[in-house]
Amino acid sequence: MSIPRQLNLESIAATALAIADTDGFAAVSMRRVAHELGVGTMSLYYYVKTKAELIAAMDDALMAGVVAPTLPDDWRKALTTIAHHTRDVFIRHPWALCSMQSAPPGVNAMRHMEQCLKALAETGMTTEQKLTLLALVDDFVFGYTLRETAGDPVVDIDSAKDLLRTGAFPELKKAFGKEQKLCIPNRFALGLEAILGVAGERILVGSHRRQNRRHNSGK
């Protein structure tokens, strides 16, 4: 058994995250966490009574890393900062994107959402518009993270070349015929700029039009 360490909810959650990082989420159990902490399994039940509570503690620990210490005043820069924090957390813990879906929102998840909404507080957007924009950003960040952590696909180069030589894929041949590799080092920044620029502007325009209609109808 390991040398006993200080036992509290934070150390339990941190140990569970470390197990998931090393051996996968399926390896996380009360018994395994207790073993790594050097205590008896029953000792954990004072802090987490069920596996579900353990998962909730793990999720709350993850979300603590998503919350930014400070944010710029500009809402686009603020959401960019939050997106970078979110990406970095899930790059470090890629298994969490799929495995933590059942976790209920804890204090740090609420702090994260509060921070997101506060960044948009002075934009004039409706609640629905704010949540729509935040969902778009989340979808992009999570999708980027899944692709970034998936690893390169295994491609049968010879078969691919044979298919390109048939002439059925002229655009693919232009792009990859000379075994060129697609590399866009700043694609995360480009994607965020597109979402916060184009989508954000459309939402703001719609919000301003709605406000103008209300103002005119009140005359």
C-alpha atoms as a PDB file:
ATOM      1  CA  MET A   1       0.000   0.000   0.000  1.00  0.00           C
ATOM      2  CA  SER A   2       1.155   3.556  -0.705  1.00  0.00           C
ATOM      3  CA  ILE A   3       2.345   5.889   2.042  1.00  0.00           C
ATOM      4  CA  PRO A   4      -0.788   7.618   3.397  1.00  0.00           C
ATOM      5  CA  ARG A   5      -1.333  11.180   2.171  1.00  0.00           C
ATOM      6  CA  GLN A   6      -3.550  13.947   3.472  1.00  0.00           C
ATOM      7  CA  LEU A   7      -7.131  12.904   2.872  1.00  0.00           C
ATOM      8  CA  ASN A   8      -9.691  15.458   1.711  1.00  0.00           C
ATOM      9  CA  LEU A   9     -12.033  15.923  -1.227  1.00  0.00           C
ATOM     10  CA  GLU A  10      -9.373  17.745  -3.251  1.00  0.00           C
ATOM     11  CA  SER A  11      -6.770  14.991  -2.852  1.00  0.00           C
ATOM     12  CA  ILE A  12      -9.358  12.322  -3.668  1.00  0.00           C
ATOM     13  CA  ALA A  13     -10.409  14.120  -6.855  1.00  0.00           C
ATOM     14  CA  ALA A  14      -6.803  14.795  -7.894  1.00  0.00           C
ATOM     15  CA  THR A  15      -5.889  11.144  -7.372  1.00  0.00           C
ATOM     16  CA  ALA A  16      -8.896   9.955  -9.380  1.00  0.00           C
ATOM     17  CA  LEU A  17      -7.945  12.315 -12.236  1.00  0.00           C
ATOM     18  CA  ALA A  18      -4.369  11.021 -12.197  1.00  0.00           C
ATOM     19  CA  ILE A  19      -5.630   7.431 -12.438  1.00  0.00           C
ATOM     20  CA  ALA A  20      -7.857   8.305 -15.390  1.00  0.00           C
ATOM     21  CA  ASP A  21      -4.988  10.130 -17.114  1.00  0.00           C
ATOM     22  CA  THR A  22      -2.675   7.134 -16.712  1.00  0.00           C
ATOM     23  CA  ASP A  23      -4.954   4.120 -17.091  1.00  0.00           C
ATOM     24  CA  GLY A  24      -8.221   5.469 -18.489  1.00  0.00           C
ATOM     25  CA  PHE A  25     -11.498   6.454 -16.896  1.00  0.00           C
ATOM     26  CA  ALA A  26     -12.605   2.836 -16.526  1.00  0.00           C
ATOM     27  CA  ALA A  27      -9.744   2.257 -14.074  1.00  0.00           C
ATOM     28  CA  VAL A  28     -11.170   4.776 -11.594  1.00  0.00           C
ATOM     29  CA  SER A  29     -12.798   3.109  -8.593  1.00  0.00           C
ATOM     30  CA  MET A  30     -13.115   3.811  -4.899  1.00  0.00           C
ATOM     31  CA  ARG A  31     -10.763   0.932  -4.143  1.00  0.00           C
ATOM     32  CA  ARG A  32      -8.129   2.127  -6.621  1.00  0.00           C
ATOM     33  CA  VAL A  33      -8.268   5.703  -5.346  1.00  0.00           C
ATOM     34  CA  ALA A  34      -7.952   4.506  -1.747  1.00  0.00           C
ATOM     35  CA  HIS A  35      -4.967   2.340  -2.692  1.00  0.00           C
ATOM     36  CA  GLU A  36      -3.188   5.246  -4.388  1.00  0.00           C
ATOM     37  CA  LEU A  37      -3.842   7.441  -1.347  1.00  0.00           C
ATOM     38  CA  GLY A  38      -2.610   4.766   1.027  1.00  0.00           C
ATOM     39  CA  VAL A  39      -5.838   4.503   3.005  1.00  0.00           C
ATOM     40  CA  GLY A  40      -8.630   2.010   3.441  1.00  0.00           C
ATOM     41  CA  THR A  41     -11.545   2.178   1.006  1.00  0.00           C
ATOM     42  CA  MET A  42     -13.985   2.960   3.805  1.00  0.00           C
ATOM     43  CA  SER A  43     -12.011   6.120   4.609  1.00  0.00           C
ATOM     44  CA  LEU A  44     -13.202   7.660   1.345  1.00  0.00           C
ATOM     45  CA  TYR A  45     -16.872   7.349   2.204  1.00  0.00           C
ATOM     46  CA  TYR A  46     -16.713  10.279   4.612  1.00  0.00           C
ATOM     47  CA  TYR A  47     -16.015  12.495   1.576  1.00  0.00           C
ATOM     48  CA  VAL A  48     -17.674  10.672  -1.345  1.00  0.00           C
ATOM     49  CA  LYS A  49     -20.389   8.161  -0.612  1.00  0.00           C
ATOM     50  CA  THR A  50     -20.851   6.813  -4.144  1.00  0.00           C
ATOM     51  CA  LYS A  51     -19.029   6.471  -7.446  1.00  0.00           C
ATOM     52  CA  ALA A  52     -21.320   9.200  -8.791  1.00  0.00           C
ATOM     53  CA  GLU A  53     -20.124  11.581  -6.067  1.00  0.00           C
ATOM     54  CA  LEU A  54     -16.522  10.707  -6.923  1.00  0.00           C
ATOM     55  CA  ILE A  55     -17.166  11.554 -10.582  1.00  0.00           C
ATOM     56  CA  ALA A  56     -18.813  14.819  -9.551  1.00  0.00           C
ATOM     57  CA  ALA A  57     -15.729  15.721  -7.501  1.00  0.00           C
ATOM     58  CA  MET A  58     -13.504  14.912 -10.478  1.00  0.00           C
ATOM     59  CA  ASP A  59     -15.593  17.100 -12.748  1.00  0.00           C
ATOM     60  CA  ASP A  60     -15.518  19.967 -10.285  1.00  0.00           C
ATOM     61  CA  ALA A  61     -11.727  19.707 -10.093  1.00  0.00           C
ATOM     62  CA  LEU A  62     -11.515  19.807 -13.893  1.00  0.00           C
ATOM     63  CA  MET A  63     -13.783  22.818 -14.133  1.00  0.00           C
ATOM     64  CA  ALA A  64     -11.637  24.689 -11.618  1.00  0.00           C
ATOM     65  CA  GLY A  65      -8.961  24.788 -14.313  1.00  0.00           C
ATOM     66  CA  VAL A  66     -11.405  26.164 -16.879  1.00  0.00           C
ATOM     67  CA  VAL A  67     -12.219  29.248 -14.803  1.00  0.00           C
ATOM     68  CA  ALA A  68      -9.861  32.079 -15.777  1.00  0.00           C
ATOM     69  CA  PRO A  69      -8.298  34.137 -12.952  1.00  0.00           C
ATOM     70  CA  THR A  70      -9.093  37.382 -14.781  1.00  0.00           C
ATOM     71  CA  LEU A  71     -10.738  38.378 -18.051  1.00  0.00           C
ATOM     72  CA  PRO A  72     -10.228  41.261 -20.494  1.00  0.00           C
ATOM     73  CA  ASP A  73     -13.047  43.794 -20.705  1.00  0.00           C
ATOM     74  CA  ASP A  74     -13.615  43.153 -24.424  1.00  0.00           C
ATOM     75  CA  TRP A  75     -16.128  40.313 -24.727  1.00  0.00           C
ATOM     76  CA  ARG A  76     -14.415  38.667 -27.703  1.00  0.00           C
ATOM     77  CA  LYS A  77     -11.053  38.634 -25.941  1.00  0.00           C
ATOM     78  CA  ALA A  78     -12.751  37.375 -22.770  1.00  0.00           C
ATOM     79  CA  LEU A  79     -14.397  34.428 -24.544  1.00  0.00           C
ATOM     80  CA  THR A  80     -11.108  33.711 -26.314  1.00  0.00           C
ATOM     81  CA  THR A  81      -9.365  33.503 -22.938  1.00  0.00           C
ATOM     82  CA  ILE A  82     -12.046  31.159 -21.595  1.00  0.00           C
ATOM     83  CA  ALA A  83     -11.857  29.001 -24.734  1.00  0.00           C
ATOM     84  CA  HIS A  84      -8.088  28.637 -24.345  1.00  0.00           C
ATOM     85  CA  HIS A  85      -8.471  27.599 -20.708  1.00  0.00           C
ATOM     86  CA  THR A  86     -11.139  25.064 -21.673  1.00  0.00           C
ATOM     87  CA  ARG A  87      -9.046  23.641 -24.500  1.00  0.00           C
ATOM     88  CA  ASP A  88      -5.964  23.316 -22.307  1.00  0.00           C
ATOM     89  CA  VAL A  89      -7.853  21.435 -19.584  1.00  0.00           C
ATOM     90  CA  PHE A  90      -9.348  18.901 -21.991  1.00  0.00           C
ATOM     91  CA  ILE A  91      -6.104  18.476 -23.930  1.00  0.00           C
ATOM     92  CA  ARG A  92      -4.580  17.378 -20.621  1.00  0.00           C
ATOM     93  CA  HIS A  93      -7.579  15.143 -19.841  1.00  0.00           C
ATOM     94  CA  PRO A  94      -9.024  14.097 -23.246  1.00  0.00           C
ATOM     95  CA  TRP A  95     -10.959  11.153 -21.794  1.00  0.00           C
ATOM     96  CA  ALA A  96     -13.122  13.628 -19.840  1.00  0.00           C
ATOM     97  CA  LEU A  97     -14.969  14.909 -22.911  1.00  0.00           C
ATOM     98  CA  CYS A  98     -16.843  11.630 -23.276  1.00  0.00           C
ATOM     99  CA  SER A  99     -16.578  10.078 -19.823  1.00  0.00           C
ATOM    100  CA  MET A 100     -17.773  12.974 -17.672  1.00  0.00           C
ATOM    101  CA  GLN A 101     -21.062  13.644 -19.458  1.00  0.00           C
ATOM    102  CA  SER A 102     -23.071  12.226 -16.564  1.00  0.00           C
ATOM    103  CA  ALA A 103     -21.486  14.496 -13.951  1.00  0.00           C
ATOM    104  CA  PRO A 104     -23.882  17.088 -12.508  1.00  0.00           C
ATOM    105  CA  PRO A 105     -22.672  20.707 -12.643  1.00  0.00           C
ATOM    106  CA  GLY A 106     -20.752  21.624  -9.507  1.00  0.00           C
ATOM    107  CA  VAL A 107     -19.626  24.929  -8.051  1.00  0.00           C
ATOM    108  CA  ASN A 108     -16.795  25.395 -10.536  1.00  0.00           C
ATOM    109  CA  ALA A 109     -19.034  24.588 -13.509  1.00  0.00           C
ATOM    110  CA  MET A 110     -21.374  27.300 -12.237  1.00  0.00           C
ATOM    111  CA  ARG A 111     -18.425  29.685 -11.797  1.00  0.00           C
ATOM    112  CA  HIS A 112     -17.404  28.959 -15.395  1.00  0.00           C
ATOM    113  CA  MET A 113     -20.893  29.664 -16.730  1.00  0.00           C
ATOM    114  CA  GLU A 114     -21.178  32.796 -14.599  1.00  0.00           C
ATOM    115  CA  GLN A 115     -17.873  33.997 -16.038  1.00  0.00           C
ATOM    116  CA  CYS A 116     -19.047  33.342 -19.589  1.00  0.00           C
ATOM    117  CA  LEU A 117     -22.311  35.216 -19.104  1.00  0.00           C
ATOM    118  CA  LYS A 118     -20.551  38.081 -17.337  1.00  0.00           C
ATOM    119  CA  ALA A 119     -18.256  38.458 -20.356  1.00  0.00           C
ATOM    120  CA  LEU A 120     -21.373  39.038 -22.489  1.00  0.00           C
ATOM    121  CA  ALA A 121     -23.272  41.135 -19.959  1.00  0.00           C
ATOM    122  CA  GLU A 122     -22.721  44.470 -21.704  1.00  0.00           C
ATOM    123  CA  THR A 123     -23.260  43.292 -25.292  1.00  0.00           C
ATOM    124  CA  GLY A 124     -27.011  43.823 -25.414  1.00  0.00           C
ATOM    125  CA  MET A 125     -27.572  40.167 -26.370  1.00  0.00           C
ATOM    126  CA  THR A 126     -30.623  38.363 -25.066  1.00  0.00           C
ATOM    127  CA  THR A 127     -30.137  35.344 -22.820  1.00  0.00           C
ATOM    128  CA  GLU A 128     -30.983  33.075 -25.735  1.00  0.00           C
ATOM    129  CA  GLN A 129     -28.411  34.778 -27.942  1.00  0.00           C
ATOM    130  CA  LYS A 130     -25.728  34.546 -25.260  1.00  0.00           C
ATOM    131  CA  LEU A 131     -26.351  30.844 -24.716  1.00  0.00           C
ATOM    132  CA  THR A 132     -26.364  30.222 -28.474  1.00  0.00           C
ATOM    133  CA  LEU A 133     -22.975  31.890 -28.905  1.00  0.00           C
ATOM    134  CA  LEU A 134     -21.511  30.066 -25.908  1.00  0.00           C
ATOM    135  CA  ALA A 135     -22.771  26.746 -27.281  1.00  0.00           C
ATOM    136  CA  LEU A 136     -21.112  27.481 -30.636  1.00  0.00           C
ATOM    137  CA  VAL A 137     -17.814  28.204 -28.897  1.00  0.00           C
ATOM    138  CA  ASP A 138     -18.077  25.043 -26.781  1.00  0.00           C
ATOM    139  CA  ASP A 139     -18.888  22.921 -29.842  1.00  0.00           C
ATOM    140  CA  PHE A 140     -15.800  24.258 -31.602  1.00  0.00           C
ATOM    141  CA  VAL A 141     -13.499  23.835 -28.589  1.00  0.00           C
ATOM    142  CA  PHE A 142     -14.666  20.286 -27.867  1.00  0.00           C
ATOM    143  CA  GLY A 143     -14.495  19.273 -31.530  1.00  0.00           C
ATOM    144  CA  TYR A 144     -10.997  20.735 -31.862  1.00  0.00           C
ATOM    145  CA  THR A 145      -9.865  18.924 -28.721  1.00  0.00           C
ATOM    146  CA  LEU A 146     -11.263  15.574 -29.875  1.00  0.00           C
ATOM    147  CA  ARG A 147      -9.432  15.868 -33.191  1.00  0.00           C
ATOM    148  CA  GLU A 148      -6.216  17.156 -31.604  1.00  0.00           C
ATOM    149  CA  THR A 149      -6.039  14.235 -29.157  1.00  0.00           C
ATOM    150  CA  ALA A 150      -7.193  11.504 -31.542  1.00  0.00           C
ATOM    151  CA  GLY A 151      -3.824  10.913 -33.202  1.00  0.00           C
ATOM    152  CA  ASP A 152      -3.109  10.590 -36.907  1.00  0.00           C
ATOM    153  CA  PRO A 153      -5.261   8.104 -38.858  1.00  0.00           C
ATOM    154  CA  VAL A 154      -3.582   5.097 -40.437  1.00  0.00           C
ATOM    155  CA  VAL A 155      -3.658   5.533 -44.219  1.00  0.00           C
ATOM    156  CA  ASP A 156      -2.776   2.917 -46.834  1.00  0.00           C
ATOM    157  CA  ILE A 157      -0.626   5.205 -48.989  1.00  0.00           C
ATOM    158  CA  ASP A 158      -0.371   2.812 -51.939  1.00  0.00           C
ATOM    159  CA  SER A 159      -4.135   2.308 -52.133  1.00  0.00           C
ATOM    160  CA  ALA A 160      -4.715   6.050 -51.820  1.00  0.00           C
ATOM    161  CA  LYS A 161      -2.286   6.724 -54.689  1.00  0.00           C
ATOM    162  CA  ASP A 162      -4.018   4.131 -56.859  1.00  0.00           C
ATOM    163  CA  LEU A 163      -7.367   5.818 -56.245  1.00  0.00           C
ATOM    164  CA  LEU A 164      -5.963   9.261 -57.036  1.00  0.00           C
ATOM    165  CA  ARG A 165      -4.561   7.963 -60.338  1.00  0.00           C
ATOM    166  CA  THR A 166      -8.047   6.910 -61.475  1.00  0.00           C
ATOM    167  CA  GLY A 167      -8.951  10.556 -62.056  1.00  0.00           C
ATOM    168  CA  ALA A 168     -12.083  10.274 -59.913  1.00  0.00           C
ATOM    169  CA  PHE A 169     -10.713  12.651 -57.274  1.00  0.00           C
ATOM    170  CA  PRO A 170      -9.120  15.623 -59.076  1.00  0.00           C
ATOM    171  CA  GLU A 171      -9.352  18.039 -56.158  1.00  0.00           C
ATOM    172  CA  LEU A 172      -7.904  15.545 -53.722  1.00  0.00           C
ATOM    173  CA  LYS A 173      -5.048  14.910 -56.160  1.00  0.00           C
ATOM    174  CA  LYS A 174      -4.295  18.635 -56.288  1.00  0.00           C
ATOM    175  CA  ALA A 175      -4.264  18.831 -52.525  1.00  0.00           C
ATOM    176  CA  PHE A 176      -2.494  15.589 -51.622  1.00  0.00           C
ATOM    177  CA  GLY A 177      -1.111  14.106 -54.826  1.00  0.00           C
ATOM    178  CA  LYS A 178       2.463  14.979 -53.884  1.00  0.00           C
ATOM    179  CA  GLU A 179       2.025  13.567 -50.375  1.00  0.00           C
ATOM    180  CA  GLN A 180       1.535  17.019 -48.949  1.00  0.00           C
ATOM    181  CA  LYS A 181       0.552  17.151 -45.303  1.00  0.00           C
ATOM    182  CA  LEU A 182      -2.034  19.640 -44.139  1.00  0.00           C
ATOM    183  CA  CYS A 183      -0.609  21.703 -41.301  1.00  0.00           C
ATOM    184  CA  ILE A 184      -2.409  24.757 -39.935  1.00  0.00           C
ATOM    185  CA  PRO A 185      -0.627  25.582 -36.662  1.00  0.00           C
ATOM    186  CA  ASN A 186      -2.971  28.449 -35.770  1.00  0.00           C
ATOM    187  CA  ARG A 187      -6.259  26.833 -36.714  1.00  0.00           C
ATOM    188  CA  PHE A 188      -7.611  27.087 -33.142  1.00  0.00           C
ATOM    189  CA  ALA A 189      -7.178  30.856 -33.193  1.00  0.00           C
ATOM    190  CA  LEU A 190      -8.598  31.052 -36.727  1.00  0.00           C
ATOM    191  CA  GLY A 191     -11.669  29.057 -35.745  1.00  0.00           C
ATOM    192  CA  LEU A 192     -12.361  31.188 -32.695  1.00  0.00           C
ATOM    193  CA  GLU A 193     -11.953  34.373 -34.706  1.00  0.00           C
ATOM    194  CA  ALA A 194     -14.452  33.089 -37.268  1.00  0.00           C
ATOM    195  CA  ILE A 195     -17.044  32.172 -34.633  1.00  0.00           C
ATOM    196  CA  LEU A 196     -16.653  35.271 -32.493  1.00  0.00           C
ATOM    197  CA  GLY A 197     -16.339  37.493 -35.539  1.00  0.00           C
ATOM    198  CA  VAL A 198     -19.000  36.310 -37.960  1.00  0.00           C
ATOM    199  CA  ALA A 199     -21.454  34.560 -35.635  1.00  0.00           C
ATOM    200  CA  GLY A 200     -20.948  37.105 -32.872  1.00  0.00           C
ATOM    201  CA  GLU A 201     -21.574  39.984 -35.253  1.00  0.00           C
ATOM    202  CA  ARG A 202     -24.749  38.413 -36.622  1.00  0.00           C
ATOM    203  CA  ILE A 203     -26.074  37.911 -33.126  1.00  0.00           C
ATOM    204  CA  LEU A 204     -25.247  41.489 -32.164  1.00  0.00           C
ATOM    205  CA  VAL A 205     -26.900  42.868 -35.310  1.00  0.00           C
ATOM    206  CA  GLY A 206     -30.035  40.858 -34.570  1.00  0.00           C
ATOM    207  CA  SER A 207     -30.013  42.101 -30.978  1.00  0.00           C
ATOM    208  CA  HIS A 208     -29.678  45.743 -32.047  1.00  0.00           C
ATOM    209  CA  ARG A 209     -32.481  45.386 -34.588  1.00  0.00           C
ATOM    210  CA  ARG A 210     -34.751  43.944 -31.922  1.00  0.00           C
ATOM    211  CA  GLN A 211     -33.925  46.808 -29.585  1.00  0.00           C
ATOM    212  CA  ASN A 212     -34.622  49.363 -32.339  1.00  0.00           C
ATOM    213  CA  ARG A 213     -37.982  47.780 -33.134  1.00  0.00           C
ATOM    214  CA  ARG A 214     -38.953  47.952 -29.471  1.00  0.00           C
ATOM    215  CA  HIS A 215     -37.800  51.552 -29.267  1.00  0.00           C
ATOM    216  CA  ASN A 216     -39.740  52.559 -32.405  1.00  0.00           C
ATOM    217  CA  SER A 217     -42.900  50.750 -31.340  1.00  0.00           C
ATOM    218  CA  GLY A 218     -42.842  52.659 -28.065  1.00  0.00           C
ATOM    219  CA  LYS A 219     -42.988  56.042 -29.763  1.00  0.00           C
END
